[in-house]
């Protein structure tokens, strides 16, 4: 007589064999756009590393477009999934944090490394808070501050790429980048504080 463990193993194996990935709702159009954005992030990183700023800018802007589009389609068509809730912010963090980290070597006289540390640290903090809150059954969706943070960060990266691709001779653009970097840090910190306050009751419950 087969043991309970063997029956459980066979059951899991049978489930995996019968699982039809083509019919899985996790691979709907919004989530495919999210996965496409992950591929675009790789393209962005590679070409930025070799200073092909125009190609890097094109990949980044296309990724930014898919970020807006997958969120719009998910809400409009009712295609929200658990996979999307995990993958979408993860890919956003990869491309934004990776972009700022790689840009330090290109714009070390413009981007203070401590600013990038603040941006990356905020993402780690918010991700930890989100995981903890949701483990306690507390909904932890995006806020207007989080969306504003993402927009400002993406705009700042785009402006830096445009500067290196075409406008290095314009001092006013360089000054604009410095201003946007400070604005990015401020909004990043404020949005992080907002999330901490929102999750405060769950964190301090015990």
Protein backbone atom coordinates (compact mmCIF):
# COMPACT_ATOMS: atom_id res chain seq x y z
CA UNK A 1 0.00 0.00 0.00
CA UNK A 2 1.55 3.35 -1.03
CA UNK A 3 2.44 5.65 1.82
CA UNK A 4 0.75 8.99 2.42
CA UNK A 5 3.95 10.77 1.41
CA UNK A 6 4.18 8.91 -1.88
CA UNK A 7 0.51 9.59 -2.61
CA UNK A 8 1.06 13.29 -1.86
CA UNK A 9 4.10 13.36 -4.14
CA UNK A 10 2.20 11.62 -6.92
CA UNK A 11 -0.68 14.04 -6.46
CA UNK A 12 1.61 17.06 -6.80
CA UNK A 13 3.32 15.53 -9.81
CA UNK A 14 -0.04 14.84 -11.43
CA UNK A 15 -1.15 18.41 -10.75
CA UNK A 16 2.01 19.82 -12.33
CA UNK A 17 1.62 17.55 -15.36
CA UNK A 18 -2.02 18.58 -15.84
CA UNK A 19 -1.36 22.30 -15.32
CA UNK A 20 -1.97 24.14 -18.58
CA UNK A 21 0.23 27.23 -18.70
CA UNK A 22 -1.48 28.46 -21.87
CA UNK A 23 -4.74 28.85 -19.92
CA UNK A 24 -3.18 30.32 -16.80
CA UNK A 25 -4.58 33.78 -16.04
CA UNK A 26 -1.16 34.82 -14.73
CA UNK A 27 -0.02 35.05 -18.34
CA UNK A 28 -2.69 37.48 -19.48
CA UNK A 29 -1.84 40.54 -21.58
CA UNK A 30 -0.96 42.94 -18.72
CA UNK A 31 1.38 40.39 -17.18
CA UNK A 32 2.98 39.66 -20.54
CA UNK A 33 3.67 43.38 -20.83
CA UNK A 34 5.27 43.25 -17.39
CA UNK A 35 7.54 40.40 -18.51
CA UNK A 36 8.32 42.35 -21.69
CA UNK A 37 9.35 45.26 -19.46
CA UNK A 38 11.78 42.96 -17.66
CA UNK A 39 13.39 42.11 -21.02
CA UNK A 40 13.50 45.80 -21.88
CA UNK A 41 15.23 46.43 -18.55
CA UNK A 42 17.99 44.02 -19.60
CA UNK A 43 18.33 45.79 -22.96
CA UNK A 44 18.41 49.12 -21.14
CA UNK A 45 21.16 47.98 -18.75
CA UNK A 46 23.35 46.47 -21.48
CA UNK A 47 23.26 49.47 -23.82
CA UNK A 48 23.61 51.96 -20.97
CA UNK A 49 26.69 50.10 -19.75
CA UNK A 50 28.31 50.57 -23.18
CA UNK A 51 27.16 54.20 -23.44
CA UNK A 52 24.68 53.72 -26.28
CA UNK A 53 22.47 56.37 -24.78
CA UNK A 54 19.95 56.61 -27.61
CA UNK A 55 19.18 52.88 -27.55
CA UNK A 56 19.11 52.88 -23.75
CA UNK A 57 16.71 55.83 -23.80
CA UNK A 58 14.44 54.10 -26.33
CA UNK A 59 14.35 50.90 -24.25
CA UNK A 60 13.64 52.86 -21.07
CA UNK A 61 10.84 54.94 -22.60
CA UNK A 62 9.26 51.83 -24.11
CA UNK A 63 9.44 50.14 -20.71
CA UNK A 64 7.86 53.22 -19.13
CA UNK A 65 5.03 53.02 -21.68
CA UNK A 66 4.39 49.33 -20.94
CA UNK A 67 4.30 50.14 -17.22
CA UNK A 68 1.43 52.55 -17.80
CA UNK A 69 -0.26 50.28 -20.33
CA UNK A 70 -0.26 47.07 -18.28
CA UNK A 71 -1.72 48.89 -15.29
CA UNK A 72 -4.41 50.49 -17.44
CA UNK A 73 -5.39 47.19 -19.08
CA UNK A 74 -5.39 45.30 -15.79
CA UNK A 75 -7.83 47.80 -14.25
CA UNK A 76 -9.92 48.41 -17.39
CA UNK A 77 -10.36 44.73 -18.29
CA UNK A 78 -10.48 43.37 -14.75
CA UNK A 79 -7.29 41.36 -15.27
CA UNK A 80 -5.69 41.91 -11.88
CA UNK A 81 -3.80 38.82 -10.68
CA UNK A 82 -1.60 37.87 -7.74
CA UNK A 83 1.27 37.31 -10.16
CA UNK A 84 0.87 40.85 -11.49
CA UNK A 85 0.76 42.32 -7.97
CA UNK A 86 4.16 40.73 -7.31
CA UNK A 87 5.84 41.05 -10.71
CA UNK A 88 4.82 44.61 -11.62
CA UNK A 89 6.40 46.44 -8.65
CA UNK A 90 9.38 44.07 -8.74
CA UNK A 91 10.17 44.93 -12.36
CA UNK A 92 9.62 48.64 -11.66
CA UNK A 93 12.18 48.51 -8.85
CA UNK A 94 14.67 46.58 -10.99
CA UNK A 95 14.65 49.07 -13.86
CA UNK A 96 14.59 52.24 -11.74
CA UNK A 97 17.10 51.21 -9.08
CA UNK A 98 19.34 49.56 -11.67
CA UNK A 99 19.13 52.66 -13.86
CA UNK A 100 20.23 55.01 -11.08
CA UNK A 101 23.02 52.66 -10.00
CA UNK A 102 24.44 52.37 -13.52
CA UNK A 103 24.12 56.10 -14.16
CA UNK A 104 26.48 56.88 -11.25
CA UNK A 105 29.46 55.86 -13.39
CA UNK A 106 28.28 58.10 -16.24
CA UNK A 107 27.21 61.09 -14.16
CA UNK A 108 29.31 60.87 -11.00
CA UNK A 109 29.72 64.66 -11.04
CA UNK A 110 25.91 65.10 -11.14
CA UNK A 111 24.49 62.19 -9.14
CA UNK A 112 25.73 61.96 -5.53
CA UNK A 113 25.93 58.25 -4.64
CA UNK A 114 24.11 58.87 -1.34
CA UNK A 115 21.00 59.87 -3.30
CA UNK A 116 20.98 56.50 -5.04
CA UNK A 117 21.46 54.77 -1.68
CA UNK A 118 18.38 56.59 -0.36
CA UNK A 119 16.33 55.58 -3.42
CA UNK A 120 17.34 51.91 -3.22
CA UNK A 121 16.96 51.77 0.58
CA UNK A 122 13.42 53.14 0.33
CA UNK A 123 12.49 50.36 -2.11
CA UNK A 124 13.87 47.69 0.23
CA UNK A 125 12.01 49.20 3.16
CA UNK A 126 8.66 49.50 1.39
CA UNK A 127 8.94 46.00 -0.04
CA UNK A 128 9.60 44.60 3.45
CA UNK A 129 6.66 46.53 4.88
CA UNK A 130 4.40 45.35 2.06
CA UNK A 131 5.34 41.71 2.65
CA UNK A 132 4.79 42.02 6.40
CA UNK A 133 1.46 43.87 6.08
CA UNK A 134 0.03 41.44 3.55
CA UNK A 135 1.12 38.51 5.70
CA UNK A 136 -1.14 40.03 8.37
CA UNK A 137 -4.01 40.36 5.92
CA UNK A 138 -3.62 44.13 5.52
CA UNK A 139 -4.12 45.39 1.97
CA UNK A 140 -1.07 47.28 0.74
CA UNK A 141 -1.83 48.80 -2.65
CA UNK A 142 -0.09 51.66 -4.41
CA UNK A 143 -0.80 55.20 -3.23
CA UNK A 144 -0.76 58.49 -5.12
CA UNK A 145 2.61 59.21 -3.50
CA UNK A 146 4.00 55.93 -4.79
CA UNK A 147 2.79 56.69 -8.30
CA UNK A 148 4.21 60.23 -8.13
CA UNK A 149 7.52 58.79 -6.96
CA UNK A 150 7.64 56.40 -9.91
CA UNK A 151 6.82 59.17 -12.38
CA UNK A 152 9.47 61.56 -11.03
CA UNK A 153 12.12 58.84 -10.90
CA UNK A 154 11.39 57.75 -14.47
CA UNK A 155 11.34 61.34 -15.73
CA UNK A 156 14.69 62.06 -14.04
CA UNK A 157 16.34 59.00 -15.59
CA UNK A 158 14.95 59.96 -19.01
CA UNK A 159 16.26 63.51 -18.64
CA UNK A 160 19.74 62.24 -17.74
CA UNK A 161 19.77 59.93 -20.76
CA UNK A 162 18.65 62.75 -23.08
CA UNK A 163 21.37 64.96 -21.60
CA UNK A 164 24.13 62.48 -22.35
CA UNK A 165 22.71 61.57 -25.76
CA UNK A 166 22.21 65.08 -27.16
CA UNK A 167 22.43 67.98 -24.70
CA UNK A 168 25.75 67.76 -22.85
CA UNK A 169 26.63 71.26 -24.04
CA UNK A 170 23.62 72.82 -22.29
CA UNK A 171 24.42 73.82 -18.73
CA UNK A 172 20.77 74.61 -18.02
CA UNK A 173 19.85 70.94 -18.60
CA UNK A 174 22.52 69.87 -16.15
CA UNK A 175 21.08 72.26 -13.60
CA UNK A 176 17.62 70.89 -14.32
CA UNK A 177 18.91 67.37 -13.65
CA UNK A 178 20.29 68.44 -10.26
CA UNK A 179 16.92 69.94 -9.38
CA UNK A 180 15.07 66.79 -10.48
CA UNK A 181 17.43 64.61 -8.45
CA UNK A 182 16.66 66.56 -5.30
CA UNK A 183 12.94 66.43 -6.10
CA UNK A 184 13.26 62.68 -6.66
CA UNK A 185 14.92 62.16 -3.28
CA UNK A 186 12.31 64.29 -1.48
CA UNK A 187 9.34 62.50 -3.05
CA UNK A 188 11.02 59.11 -2.55
CA UNK A 189 11.51 59.79 1.17
CA UNK A 190 8.03 61.26 1.66
CA UNK A 191 6.36 58.35 -0.13
CA UNK A 192 8.36 55.94 2.03
CA UNK A 193 7.22 57.71 5.19
CA UNK A 194 3.62 57.55 3.97
CA UNK A 195 3.89 53.77 3.58
CA UNK A 196 5.46 53.41 7.03
CA UNK A 197 2.64 55.41 8.61
CA UNK A 198 0.05 53.39 6.69
CA UNK A 199 1.55 50.11 7.91
CA UNK A 200 2.14 51.40 11.45
CA UNK A 201 -0.89 49.74 13.08
CA UNK A 202 0.03 46.33 11.65
CA UNK A 203 3.69 46.70 12.63
CA UNK A 204 2.94 47.86 16.18
CA UNK A 205 0.08 45.42 16.81
CA UNK A 206 2.37 43.11 18.79
